Amino acid sequence: MAAELTAHQLIDRHRPTLDQALETIRTRAYWSPHPEHPKAYGENGSLDTAAGKAAFDALLGTRLDLGQPGTDGWVGGEVSPYGIELGVEYPHADLDVLLPAMRAGQWAWRDAGAEARAMVCLEILKRIADRTMEFAQAVMHTSGQAFMMAFQAGGPHAQDRGLEAVAYAYVEQSRTPDTAEWTKPQGKRDPLALTKQFTPVPRGIGLVIGCNTFPTWNGYPGLFASLATGNAVLVKPHPRAVLPLALTVQVARDVLAEAGFDPNLVALAAERPGEGIAKTLATRPEIRIIDYTGSTSFGDWLEANARQAQVFTEKAGVNTVIIESTDDYRGMLANLAFSLSLYSGQMCTTPQNLLIPRDGIRTDQGAKTYNEVTADLARAVDGLLGDDARANALLGALVNPDVKARLEAAAGLGEVALASREVANPEFPDAVVRTPVIVKLDGAKPADEAAWTSECFGPVSFAVAVDSAAHAVEVLRHSVREKGAMTVGAYTTDPEVEESVREACLEEAAQLSLNLTGGVYVNQTAAFSDFHGSGGNPAANAALCDGAFVASRFRVVEVRRPA
């Protein structure tokens, strides 16, 4: 088909953005081309809040026909954590038809080159950004995030992570020149001379296995890293969070077609209830790359069984905060209260274990006992969430019944410092909204160990009494080594304690935040600057985003001939 988007048009439109992204991943400074305030939308072709809501409402009860080959039926059934039945139907694919069709367009996509692929990817991201408000509603009503978080994390922050992956992909593919003239002197004889050509070639079809809680934020890095390195990408969303990724696939297919490429380079694999196609897909020979976010058990299964593929996993861990001392007690409590409350703790980065010396801590307000610290933190959370409107805006809704069950069971694990309460949502009466629970446990009691050494995903935190700062570091080190951690935090005014925590995190490859008391939180990371995960402990085998995340998605093949 004739291209409606020429390479020249795309370069003029997007090369400055790519150049800025390349500079920013080098400097690690703050930058984002995607505004994170709703008032910035509604101009230059983007939907404002009302138009985005209207676009989302128009999707409800419809069939999203992507024009994919091999469609053998229609599937759906998503129900919002806020109680709305979405009623959207998606194509169900005959994999024996779809996968060969996806491979067919890969060679032209390969030959287009790294810059052309990057420009197409940036056009896809631009069109998604123009529909940020529509995507925000889709993320909200599949993940249970409150609107503002769904807008930011599901919109600009997810788009940033996608752009970041494209930038890293471009860097790694550009590391080797397209051609080289090679001459080796031979003394009195004529030199040996060769012309060499180097081509990045894709591994094959990439499979993105989406998660329920952050479908775009966690899905975009792998999707765009694989696409930008020449691979076709099959997106397998979580059955309860199909819509945001289905819309993404729709946009990608439109842009690919307009740019003169095969739209089947990106396709959707929605599943029937209980079908469980992830294992089937993951072991098919056509699938050569897998990006997965979710439970440790399935992540471990993928790493062990998808032997034909390069597997990137973000699984789970036991995130820990050491509280040894602080020169801003009030700020520390406020910061921790927000971190524990945001999205009802349904983030892979939310702190779970708070390690507090049983003899207490030093603060700018005097010595505080273990019991005082836990009671004050409970009051800080209670104060933050005391107003139901503010609580709903921070907590969102519980994403599934399993989270609710874990929350309710946690109260029986030890002494409750802060009891969870139900919060009514007037706009969405069927939403399940609960405040966090904080349970006091003893780090020296074997009976308590099983609780705090296992991940308890959701709004559950354990205030674990430890013998000393040294004991806390020992517990931290063992926990990261055995269970993994996406984040580690520490509060201390003691340089020796700080250094021991830092050394433990360096040795166990855990990302560390020290003495956060303001508007930056341990469970939030910024694209282009922060690394999400490290790939060096059991919580994840990859980092979002670094060179290692993209470099093995392609191989450089050399053709050489006499000059």
Protein backbone atom coordinates (compact mmCIF):
# COMPACT_ATOMS: atom_id res chain seq x y z
CA MET A 1 0.00 0.00 0.00
CA ALA A 2 1.12 3.57 -0.57
CA ALA A 3 2.50 5.22 2.53
CA GLU A 4 0.48 8.15 3.84
CA LEU A 5 3.26 8.99 6.29
CA THR A 6 6.62 9.41 4.58
CA ALA A 7 9.94 8.85 6.29
CA HIS A 8 10.77 12.52 5.77
CA GLN A 9 7.56 13.63 7.47
CA LEU A 10 8.16 11.36 10.45
CA ILE A 11 11.77 12.48 10.85
CA ASP A 12 10.76 16.16 10.73
CA ARG A 13 8.04 15.49 13.29
CA HIS A 14 9.83 13.26 15.77
CA ARG A 15 13.61 13.42 15.40
CA PRO A 16 13.93 16.33 17.90
CA THR A 17 11.99 14.30 20.49
CA LEU A 18 14.23 11.28 19.98
CA ASP A 19 17.35 13.45 20.23
CA GLN A 20 16.15 14.92 23.52
CA ALA A 21 15.37 11.45 24.86
CA LEU A 22 18.86 10.27 23.88
CA GLU A 23 20.41 13.20 25.71
CA THR A 24 18.26 12.67 28.79
CA ILE A 25 19.07 8.97 29.23
CA ARG A 26 22.71 10.07 29.10
CA THR A 27 22.42 12.85 31.70
CA ARG A 28 19.62 11.23 33.81
CA ALA A 29 18.09 14.70 34.22
CA TYR A 30 14.36 15.43 34.46
CA TRP A 31 12.48 15.69 31.18
CA SER A 32 9.17 14.58 29.76
CA PRO A 33 7.40 15.53 26.52
CA HIS A 34 4.10 14.36 28.00
CA PRO A 35 2.31 16.81 30.36
CA GLU A 36 1.19 15.27 33.64
CA HIS A 37 -1.58 17.74 34.43
CA PRO A 38 -5.08 17.34 32.91
CA LYS A 39 -5.36 21.05 32.11
CA ALA A 40 -2.57 20.67 29.52
CA TYR A 41 -4.84 18.56 27.31
CA GLY A 42 -7.48 19.71 24.86
CA GLU A 43 -5.25 21.57 22.42
CA ASN A 44 -3.20 20.57 19.35
CA GLY A 45 -5.48 17.66 18.62
CA SER A 46 -5.49 16.06 22.06
CA LEU A 47 -8.67 15.15 23.93
CA ASP A 48 -9.54 17.10 27.08
CA THR A 49 -11.03 15.40 30.14
CA ALA A 50 -14.64 15.60 28.98
CA ALA A 51 -13.86 14.46 25.44
CA GLY A 52 -11.77 11.58 26.78
CA LYS A 53 -14.63 10.45 29.01
CA ALA A 54 -17.04 10.68 26.09
CA ALA A 55 -14.70 8.63 23.88
CA PHE A 56 -14.43 5.98 26.59
CA ASP A 57 -18.19 5.88 27.10
CA ALA A 58 -18.65 5.42 23.36
CA LEU A 59 -16.52 2.27 23.52
CA LEU A 60 -18.71 0.58 26.10
CA GLY A 61 -20.78 -2.26 24.71
CA THR A 62 -19.03 -2.18 21.32
CA ARG A 63 -16.93 -4.61 19.31
CA LEU A 64 -13.32 -3.49 18.75
CA ASP A 65 -12.53 -4.92 15.33
CA LEU A 66 -8.79 -4.65 14.71
CA GLY A 67 -8.85 -6.21 11.26
CA GLN A 68 -6.49 -8.99 12.32
CA PRO A 69 -6.17 -12.18 10.27
CA GLY A 70 -7.25 -15.42 11.85
CA THR A 71 -10.10 -14.01 13.95
CA ASP A 72 -12.25 -17.01 14.89
CA GLY A 73 -14.59 -15.42 17.41
CA TRP A 74 -15.12 -12.60 19.88
CA VAL A 75 -14.35 -12.42 23.59
CA GLY A 76 -14.94 -9.93 26.40
CA GLY A 77 -16.33 -9.75 29.89
CA GLU A 78 -14.30 -7.04 31.61
CA VAL A 79 -15.93 -5.60 34.72
CA SER A 80 -14.51 -2.43 36.21
CA PRO A 81 -13.34 -2.57 39.85
CA TYR A 82 -15.72 0.38 40.15
CA GLY A 83 -18.65 -1.87 39.21
CA ILE A 84 -19.19 -0.99 35.54
CA GLU A 85 -19.52 -3.77 32.96
CA LEU A 86 -17.44 -2.59 30.00
CA GLY A 87 -19.12 -4.89 27.50
CA VAL A 88 -16.33 -4.47 24.92
CA GLU A 89 -15.64 -7.43 22.62
CA TYR A 90 -12.22 -8.22 21.19
CA PRO A 91 -11.07 -10.54 18.40
CA HIS A 92 -10.06 -14.05 19.42
CA ALA A 93 -7.20 -15.30 17.28
CA ASP A 94 -6.45 -18.59 15.59
CA LEU A 95 -2.73 -18.56 16.37
CA ASP A 96 -1.87 -20.84 13.45
CA VAL A 97 -3.17 -18.10 11.14
CA LEU A 98 -2.16 -14.98 13.07
CA LEU A 99 1.46 -15.82 13.91
CA PRO A 100 2.56 -16.55 10.32
CA ALA A 101 0.85 -13.33 9.22
CA MET A 102 2.81 -11.41 11.84
CA ARG A 103 6.11 -12.83 10.62
CA ALA A 104 5.37 -11.92 7.00
CA GLY A 105 5.88 -8.20 7.51
CA GLN A 106 8.96 -8.48 9.70
CA TRP A 107 11.55 -8.42 6.88
CA ALA A 108 10.44 -5.09 5.42
CA TRP A 109 10.33 -3.73 8.97
CA ARG A 110 13.89 -5.02 9.52
CA ASP A 111 15.17 -3.42 6.33
CA ALA A 112 13.63 -0.04 7.21
CA GLY A 113 16.46 0.60 9.67
CA ALA A 114 16.69 1.76 13.26
CA GLU A 115 15.83 5.41 12.64
CA ALA A 116 12.72 4.69 10.58
CA ARG A 117 11.47 2.21 13.18
CA ALA A 118 12.07 4.73 15.97
CA MET A 119 10.13 7.41 14.09
CA VAL A 120 7.15 5.10 13.57
CA CYS A 121 7.20 4.16 17.25
CA LEU A 122 7.23 7.84 18.22
CA GLU A 123 4.25 8.48 15.95
CA ILE A 124 2.38 5.68 17.71
CA LEU A 125 3.22 7.23 21.08
CA LYS A 126 2.15 10.67 19.87
CA ARG A 127 -1.26 9.40 18.82
CA ILE A 128 -1.68 7.58 22.12
CA ALA A 129 -0.70 10.81 23.91
CA ASP A 130 -3.40 12.71 22.00
CA ARG A 131 -5.92 10.22 23.46
CA THR A 132 -4.44 10.25 26.97
CA MET A 133 -7.74 11.16 28.60
CA GLU A 134 -9.52 8.27 26.87
CA PHE A 135 -6.73 5.89 27.90
CA ALA A 136 -6.94 7.22 31.47
CA GLN A 137 -10.57 6.13 31.69
CA ALA A 138 -9.68 2.73 30.23
CA VAL A 139 -6.88 2.24 32.74
CA MET A 140 -9.05 3.45 35.63
CA HIS A 141 -11.86 1.04 34.82
CA THR A 142 -9.64 -2.00 34.34
CA SER A 143 -7.05 -1.49 37.08
CA GLY A 144 -9.09 0.22 39.80
CA GLN A 145 -6.68 3.14 39.98
CA ALA A 146 -8.21 6.45 40.98
CA PHE A 147 -8.64 8.78 38.00
CA MET A 148 -5.65 11.04 38.67
CA MET A 149 -3.30 8.10 39.04
CA ALA A 150 -4.79 6.32 36.02
CA PHE A 151 -4.27 9.52 34.03
CA GLN A 152 -0.66 10.01 35.12
CA ALA A 153 0.66 6.45 35.44
CA GLY A 154 -1.46 5.07 32.60
CA GLY A 155 -0.89 8.10 30.37
CA PRO A 156 2.19 10.36 30.38
CA HIS A 157 4.31 8.19 32.64
CA ALA A 158 3.59 5.06 30.57
CA GLN A 159 4.29 7.00 27.39
CA ASP A 160 7.58 8.18 28.88
CA ARG A 161 8.58 4.58 29.56
CA GLY A 162 7.71 3.62 25.99
CA LEU A 163 9.78 6.50 24.61
CA GLU A 164 12.63 5.60 26.92
CA ALA A 165 12.65 2.05 25.51
CA VAL A 166 12.74 3.41 21.95
CA ALA A 167 15.70 5.63 22.85
CA TYR A 168 17.67 2.75 24.35
CA ALA A 169 16.80 0.57 21.34
CA TYR A 170 18.12 3.24 18.99
CA VAL A 171 21.34 3.61 20.96
CA GLU A 172 22.08 -0.10 20.97
CA GLN A 173 21.31 -0.54 17.26
CA SER A 174 23.39 2.51 16.35
CA ARG A 175 26.41 1.32 18.29
CA THR A 176 27.60 -0.58 15.20
CA PRO A 177 27.91 1.35 11.90
CA ASP A 178 25.88 0.28 8.88
CA THR A 179 29.02 -0.23 6.79
CA ALA A 180 32.77 -0.26 7.22
CA GLU A 181 35.77 -0.33 4.91
CA TRP A 182 38.32 -2.75 6.34
CA THR A 183 41.95 -2.70 5.15
CA LYS A 184 44.75 -4.84 6.56
CA PRO A 185 48.33 -4.00 5.45
CA GLN A 186 50.35 -6.90 4.00
CA GLY A 187 53.79 -5.37 3.81
CA LYS A 188 55.05 -5.39 0.20
CA ARG A 189 51.95 -7.19 -0.99
CA ASP A 190 48.66 -5.51 -1.76
CA PRO A 191 46.59 -4.90 1.38
CA LEU A 192 43.60 -7.05 2.16
CA ALA A 193 40.46 -4.96 1.69
CA LEU A 194 36.88 -5.80 2.52
CA THR A 195 33.61 -3.91 2.56
CA LYS A 196 31.50 -4.95 5.53
CA GLN A 197 27.80 -4.40 6.06
CA PHE A 198 26.16 -4.76 9.47
CA THR A 199 22.42 -5.23 9.89
CA PRO A 200 20.47 -5.47 13.15
CA VAL A 201 18.10 -8.40 12.68
CA PRO A 202 15.12 -9.17 14.92
CA ARG A 203 14.92 -12.30 17.03
CA GLY A 204 11.32 -12.99 16.05
CA ILE A 205 7.89 -12.29 17.47
CA GLY A 206 7.83 -10.63 20.88
CA LEU A 207 5.08 -11.57 23.34
CA VAL A 208 3.93 -8.97 25.87
CA ILE A 209 1.98 -10.57 28.74
CA GLY A 210 0.09 -7.70 30.33
CA CYS A 211 -0.76 -7.20 34.00
CA ASN A 212 -4.01 -6.15 35.65
CA THR A 213 -2.70 -3.27 37.75
CA PHE A 214 -0.56 -1.25 35.30
CA PRO A 215 -1.43 -2.44 31.80
CA THR A 216 0.22 0.42 29.90
CA TRP A 217 3.00 1.43 32.30
CA ASN A 218 4.29 -2.12 32.51
CA GLY A 219 3.33 -3.06 28.96
CA TYR A 220 4.85 -0.23 26.94
CA PRO A 221 8.57 -0.80 27.68
CA GLY A 222 8.60 -4.33 26.26
CA LEU A 223 6.22 -3.53 23.42
CA PHE A 224 8.24 -0.58 22.14
CA ALA A 225 11.63 -2.13 22.85
CA SER A 226 10.75 -5.14 20.69
CA LEU A 227 9.03 -3.13 17.95
CA ALA A 228 11.86 -0.59 17.70
CA THR A 229 14.42 -3.38 17.30
CA GLY A 230 12.59 -4.89 14.33
CA ASN A 231 10.40 -7.51 15.94
CA ALA A 232 6.70 -8.07 15.49
CA VAL A 233 4.80 -7.88 18.81
CA LEU A 234 1.85 -9.93 20.02
CA VAL A 235 0.10 -8.36 23.01
CA LYS A 236 -1.63 -10.78 25.41
CA PRO A 237 -3.48 -8.59 27.93
CA HIS A 238 -4.64 -9.65 31.37
CA PRO A 239 -8.27 -10.83 30.96
CA ARG A 240 -9.46 -8.13 33.37
CA ALA A 241 -7.45 -5.34 31.69
CA VAL A 242 -7.76 -5.77 27.93
CA LEU A 243 -9.08 -2.38 26.82
CA PRO A 244 -5.99 -0.14 27.36
CA LEU A 245 -3.72 -2.53 25.46
CA ALA A 246 -6.32 -3.25 22.78
CA LEU A 247 -6.54 0.49 22.09
CA THR A 248 -2.75 0.59 21.96
CA VAL A 249 -2.69 -2.21 19.38
CA GLN A 250 -5.35 -0.40 17.36
CA VAL A 251 -3.29 2.79 17.24
CA ALA A 252 -0.09 0.90 16.39
CA ARG A 253 -1.75 -0.97 13.52
CA ASP A 254 -3.14 2.27 12.07
CA VAL A 255 0.24 4.01 12.17
CA LEU A 256 2.13 1.05 10.69
CA ALA A 257 -0.30 0.87 7.80
CA GLU A 258 -0.11 4.62 7.14
CA ALA A 259 3.69 4.43 7.15
CA GLY A 260 3.65 1.69 4.52
CA PHE A 261 4.34 -1.28 6.79
CA ASP A 262 2.35 -4.40 7.53
CA PRO A 263 -0.14 -3.64 10.35
CA ASN A 264 0.15 -7.25 11.47
CA LEU A 265 3.50 -6.37 13.02
CA VAL A 266 1.40 -5.60 16.11
CA ALA A 267 -1.55 -7.78 17.08
CA LEU A 268 -3.76 -8.63 20.05
CA ALA A 269 -4.28 -12.05 21.65
CA ALA A 270 -7.37 -11.76 23.83
CA GLU A 271 -8.56 -14.97 25.48
CA ARG A 272 -11.79 -16.72 26.38
CA PRO A 273 -12.68 -17.05 30.09
CA GLY A 274 -10.42 -19.64 31.67
CA GLU A 275 -8.56 -20.29 28.42
CA GLY A 276 -5.14 -19.43 29.87
CA ILE A 277 -3.31 -18.99 26.57
CA ALA A 278 -0.18 -17.44 28.09
CA LYS A 279 1.54 -20.80 28.58
CA THR A 280 0.58 -21.95 25.11
CA LEU A 281 1.90 -18.77 23.52
CA ALA A 282 5.04 -18.65 25.63
CA THR A 283 6.31 -22.01 24.38
CA ARG A 284 5.45 -21.65 20.69
CA PRO A 285 8.54 -21.64 18.46
CA GLU A 286 7.51 -18.38 16.76
CA ILE A 287 7.73 -16.50 20.08
CA ARG A 288 11.33 -15.41 20.60
CA ILE A 289 10.96 -12.63 23.18
CA ILE A 290 8.68 -12.50 26.23
CA ASP A 291 7.95 -9.52 28.48
CA TYR A 292 6.02 -10.40 31.61
CA THR A 293 4.80 -8.56 34.70
CA GLY A 294 2.96 -10.49 37.39
CA SER A 295 3.24 -13.23 39.98
CA THR A 296 6.53 -14.83 40.93
CA SER A 297 5.21 -18.32 40.31
CA PHE A 298 4.32 -17.73 36.66
CA GLY A 299 7.43 -15.62 36.10
CA ASP A 300 9.55 -18.51 37.38
CA TRP A 301 7.63 -20.88 35.10
CA LEU A 302 8.35 -18.69 32.08
CA GLU A 303 12.05 -18.48 32.89
CA ALA A 304 12.24 -22.27 33.24
CA ASN A 305 10.03 -23.34 30.33
CA ALA A 306 10.09 -20.71 27.57
CA ARG A 307 13.53 -21.87 26.53
CA GLN A 308 13.25 -20.74 22.91
CA ALA A 309 12.69 -17.11 23.97
CA GLN A 310 14.58 -14.30 25.63
CA VAL A 311 12.45 -13.78 28.76
CA PHE A 312 12.19 -10.49 30.64
CA THR A 313 10.29 -10.71 33.92
CA GLU A 314 9.14 -8.28 36.56
CA LYS A 315 7.77 -10.49 39.30
CA ALA A 316 7.34 -9.70 42.96
CA GLY A 317 9.41 -9.01 46.01
CA VAL A 318 9.30 -8.00 49.64
CA ASN A 319 10.00 -4.27 49.68
CA THR A 320 11.60 -3.02 52.86
CA VAL A 321 12.12 0.28 54.67
CA ILE A 322 14.59 0.60 57.54
CA ILE A 323 13.65 3.28 60.08
CA GLU A 324 16.71 3.94 62.27
CA SER A 325 16.65 7.72 62.85
CA THR A 326 15.44 10.91 61.19
CA ASP A 327 15.88 14.65 61.40
CA ASP A 328 12.35 15.21 60.03
CA TYR A 329 10.02 12.91 61.92
CA ARG A 330 6.84 14.57 60.72
CA GLY A 331 8.01 14.58 57.10
CA MET A 332 9.04 10.92 57.33
CA LEU A 333 5.63 9.89 58.65
CA ALA A 334 3.80 11.88 55.97
CA ASN A 335 5.97 10.42 53.22
CA LEU A 336 5.50 6.85 54.43
CA ALA A 337 1.76 7.32 54.92
CA PHE A 338 1.37 8.40 51.31
CA SER A 339 3.58 5.54 50.07
CA LEU A 340 1.53 2.95 51.96
CA SER A 341 -1.79 4.40 50.79
CA LEU A 342 -1.24 5.16 47.11
CA TYR A 343 -3.43 2.88 44.95
CA SER A 344 -4.20 0.76 48.01
CA GLY A 345 -0.66 -0.60 48.02
CA GLN A 346 -1.31 -2.44 44.74
CA MET A 347 2.08 -1.53 43.32
CA CYS A 348 5.12 -3.77 42.99
CA THR A 349 7.11 -0.94 44.60
CA THR A 350 4.96 -0.34 47.70
CA PRO A 351 6.82 -0.86 51.01
CA GLN A 352 5.71 -3.92 52.93
CA ASN A 353 8.14 -4.38 55.81
CA LEU A 354 9.05 -1.46 58.06
CA LEU A 355 12.07 -2.51 60.14
CA ILE A 356 12.15 -0.52 63.40
CA PRO A 357 14.60 -1.10 66.28
CA ARG A 358 12.67 -2.40 69.29
CA ASP A 359 14.53 0.10 71.51
CA GLY A 360 13.22 2.98 69.40
CA ILE A 361 14.70 5.63 67.11
CA ARG A 362 16.23 9.11 67.36
CA THR A 363 14.28 12.00 65.84
CA ASP A 364 14.21 15.79 65.76
CA GLN A 365 11.29 15.47 68.21
CA GLY A 366 13.28 13.38 70.67
CA ALA A 367 13.54 9.65 71.15
CA LYS A 368 10.57 7.61 69.93
CA THR A 369 9.86 4.06 71.02
CA TYR A 370 8.90 1.31 68.60
CA ASN A 371 5.30 1.54 69.84
CA GLU A 372 5.28 5.31 69.41
CA VAL A 373 6.61 5.10 65.84
CA THR A 374 3.99 2.56 64.82
CA ALA A 375 1.20 4.50 66.54
CA ASP A 376 2.31 7.79 64.97
CA LEU A 377 2.52 6.22 61.52
CA ALA A 378 -0.97 4.79 61.99
CA ARG A 379 -2.23 8.26 62.90
CA ALA A 380 -0.49 9.74 59.85
CA VAL A 381 -2.22 7.25 57.54
CA ASP A 382 -5.52 7.79 59.31
CA GLY A 383 -5.16 11.55 58.99
CA LEU A 384 -4.26 11.32 55.31
CA LEU A 385 -7.30 9.15 54.57
CA GLY A 386 -9.72 10.57 57.13
CA ASP A 387 -11.69 12.45 54.50
CA ASP A 388 -13.52 9.97 52.27
CA ALA A 389 -13.21 12.09 49.13
CA ARG A 390 -9.45 12.34 49.53
CA ALA A 391 -9.26 8.66 50.46
CA ASN A 392 -11.02 7.66 47.24
CA ALA A 393 -8.71 9.88 45.21
CA LEU A 394 -5.64 8.16 46.69
CA LEU A 395 -6.79 4.59 47.21
CA GLY A 396 -8.75 3.82 44.08
CA ALA A 397 -10.49 0.44 44.26
CA LEU A 398 -9.21 -3.05 45.10
CA VAL A 399 -8.37 -4.67 41.80
CA ASN A 400 -9.66 -8.17 42.58
CA PRO A 401 -11.13 -10.29 45.40
CA ASP A 402 -7.72 -11.85 46.20
CA VAL A 403 -6.41 -8.50 47.42
CA LYS A 404 -9.43 -8.08 49.66
CA ALA A 405 -8.94 -11.57 51.08
CA ARG A 406 -5.27 -10.91 51.88
CA LEU A 407 -6.16 -7.62 53.52
CA GLU A 408 -8.77 -9.25 55.74
CA ALA A 409 -6.49 -12.14 56.67
CA ALA A 410 -3.61 -9.83 57.61
CA ALA A 411 -5.40 -8.55 60.70
CA GLY A 412 -5.07 -12.03 62.22
CA LEU A 413 -1.30 -12.20 61.82
CA GLY A 414 -0.37 -9.99 64.78
CA GLU A 415 -1.27 -6.94 66.82
CA VAL A 416 -3.03 -4.40 64.61
CA ALA A 417 -1.54 -0.91 64.79
CA LEU A 418 -3.92 0.45 62.18
CA ALA A 419 -7.16 -1.30 61.26
CA SER A 420 -8.47 -1.16 57.72
CA ARG A 421 -11.83 0.49 57.16
CA GLU A 422 -14.31 0.52 54.32
CA VAL A 423 -14.63 3.74 52.34
CA ALA A 424 -17.82 4.51 50.42
CA ASN A 425 -17.50 5.87 46.90
CA PRO A 426 -20.64 7.92 46.09
CA GLU A 427 -19.89 7.98 42.34
CA PHE A 428 -19.29 4.21 42.16
CA PRO A 429 -21.28 2.48 44.94
CA ASP A 430 -20.07 -0.98 43.91
CA ALA A 431 -16.37 -0.12 44.23
CA VAL A 432 -14.49 -2.03 46.94
CA VAL A 433 -12.39 0.62 48.69
CA ARG A 434 -10.37 -0.15 51.82
CA THR A 435 -7.74 1.76 53.79
CA PRO A 436 -4.42 0.06 54.62
CA VAL A 437 -3.75 -2.17 57.61
CA ILE A 438 -0.52 -2.01 59.63
CA VAL A 439 0.33 -5.08 61.70
CA LYS A 440 3.01 -5.22 64.40
CA LEU A 441 5.32 -8.23 64.26
CA ASP A 442 8.50 -9.30 66.04
CA GLY A 443 11.52 -9.94 63.86
CA ALA A 444 12.95 -12.31 66.48
CA LYS A 445 9.89 -14.57 66.71
CA PRO A 446 9.86 -17.56 64.35
CA ALA A 447 6.04 -17.58 64.56
CA ASP A 448 5.94 -14.11 62.95
CA GLU A 449 8.58 -14.79 60.32
CA ALA A 450 6.34 -16.54 57.81
CA ALA A 451 4.13 -13.45 57.59
CA TRP A 452 6.70 -10.75 56.96
CA THR A 453 9.09 -12.79 54.82
CA SER A 454 6.39 -13.48 52.20
CA GLU A 455 4.91 -10.96 49.81
CA CYS A 456 1.42 -9.77 50.78
CA PHE A 457 0.35 -7.77 47.73
CA GLY A 458 -2.11 -5.03 48.57
CA PRO A 459 -2.67 -2.47 51.35
CA VAL A 460 -0.85 -4.50 54.00
CA SER A 461 2.29 -3.45 55.85
CA PHE A 462 4.20 -4.99 58.74
CA ALA A 463 5.96 -2.94 61.41
CA VAL A 464 8.71 -5.42 62.28
CA ALA A 465 10.60 -4.94 65.55
CA VAL A 466 14.30 -5.68 65.11
CA ASP A 467 17.14 -5.82 67.63
CA SER A 468 19.27 -3.00 66.17
CA ALA A 469 20.25 -1.18 63.02
CA ALA A 470 22.76 -3.93 62.30
CA HIS A 471 20.02 -6.52 62.67
CA ALA A 472 17.81 -4.50 60.31
CA VAL A 473 20.52 -4.49 57.64
CA GLU A 474 21.03 -8.21 58.10
CA VAL A 475 17.30 -8.82 57.69
CA LEU A 476 17.23 -6.55 54.64
CA ARG A 477 20.14 -8.33 53.00
CA HIS A 478 18.64 -11.78 53.55
CA SER A 479 15.20 -10.65 52.39
CA VAL A 480 16.44 -9.17 49.12
CA ARG A 481 18.64 -12.17 48.42
CA GLU A 482 15.90 -14.73 49.04
CA LYS A 483 12.69 -12.91 48.05
CA GLY A 484 13.85 -9.95 46.00
CA ALA A 485 12.83 -6.31 46.24
CA MET A 486 11.82 -3.71 43.69
CA THR A 487 12.49 -0.92 46.19
CA VAL A 488 14.34 -0.36 49.44
CA GLY A 489 14.04 2.71 51.66
CA ALA A 490 15.96 3.83 54.70
CA TYR A 491 15.76 6.64 57.22
CA THR A 492 18.93 7.36 59.15
CA THR A 493 21.06 10.27 60.27
CA ASP A 494 24.00 7.97 61.07
CA PRO A 495 26.63 7.89 58.28
CA GLU A 496 27.76 4.40 59.29
CA VAL A 497 24.24 3.02 59.16
CA GLU A 498 23.66 4.73 55.83
CA GLU A 499 26.82 3.19 54.42
CA SER A 500 25.91 -0.28 55.66
CA VAL A 501 22.46 -0.04 54.06
CA ARG A 502 23.99 1.27 50.84
CA GLU A 503 26.55 -1.54 50.75
CA ALA A 504 23.84 -4.15 51.32
CA CYS A 505 21.81 -2.75 48.44
CA LEU A 506 24.83 -2.64 46.13
CA GLU A 507 25.71 -6.23 46.96
CA GLU A 508 22.15 -7.48 46.52
CA ALA A 509 21.33 -5.21 43.55
CA ALA A 510 18.37 -3.37 45.08
CA GLN A 511 17.34 0.21 44.25
CA LEU A 512 17.66 2.40 47.36
CA SER A 513 15.94 5.63 48.41
CA LEU A 514 17.33 7.46 51.44
CA ASN A 515 15.53 9.86 53.79
CA LEU A 516 12.58 10.77 51.56
CA THR A 517 10.44 13.31 53.39
CA GLY A 518 9.02 15.51 50.61
CA GLY A 519 7.10 14.97 47.40
CA VAL A 520 9.19 12.06 46.07
CA TYR A 521 8.12 8.60 47.25
CA VAL A 522 9.89 5.27 47.40
CA ASN A 523 7.26 3.58 45.22
CA GLN A 524 7.51 6.03 42.32
CA THR A 525 10.17 6.14 39.60
CA ALA A 526 10.79 8.66 36.83
CA ALA A 527 11.47 7.53 33.27
CA PHE A 528 14.77 8.56 31.66
CA SER A 529 16.34 8.90 35.12
CA ASP A 530 15.31 6.17 37.58
CA PHE A 531 15.78 2.47 36.97
CA HIS A 532 12.70 0.43 37.82
CA GLY A 533 14.05 -2.80 39.26
CA SER A 534 17.65 -3.83 38.75
CA GLY A 535 17.51 -7.28 37.20
CA GLY A 536 19.93 -8.37 39.92
CA ASN A 537 17.66 -9.89 42.56
CA PRO A 538 14.72 -12.33 42.45
CA ALA A 539 12.07 -9.60 42.07
CA ALA A 540 12.95 -9.03 38.40
CA ASN A 541 15.48 -10.24 35.87
CA ALA A 542 15.46 -6.94 33.98
CA ALA A 543 15.49 -3.21 34.64
CA LEU A 544 13.20 -0.63 33.07
CA CYS A 545 15.02 0.63 31.23
CA ASP A 546 18.66 0.05 30.40
CA GLY A 547 20.78 -1.19 27.51
CA ALA A 548 20.46 -4.80 28.62
CA PHE A 549 16.68 -4.53 28.32
CA VAL A 550 16.88 -3.94 24.57
CA ALA A 551 20.24 -5.26 23.33
CA SER A 552 19.32 -8.94 23.21
CA ARG A 553 16.11 -8.31 21.24
CA PHE A 554 18.16 -8.21 18.05
CA ARG A 555 21.41 -9.57 16.67
CA VAL A 556 23.87 -7.93 14.27
CA VAL A 557 24.47 -9.96 11.11
CA GLU A 558 27.50 -9.15 8.98
CA VAL A 559 27.91 -9.46 5.21
CA ARG A 560 31.43 -8.94 3.89
CA ARG A 561 32.84 -8.87 0.40
CA PRO A 562 36.08 -7.82 -1.29
CA ALA A 563 36.34 -4.06 -1.60
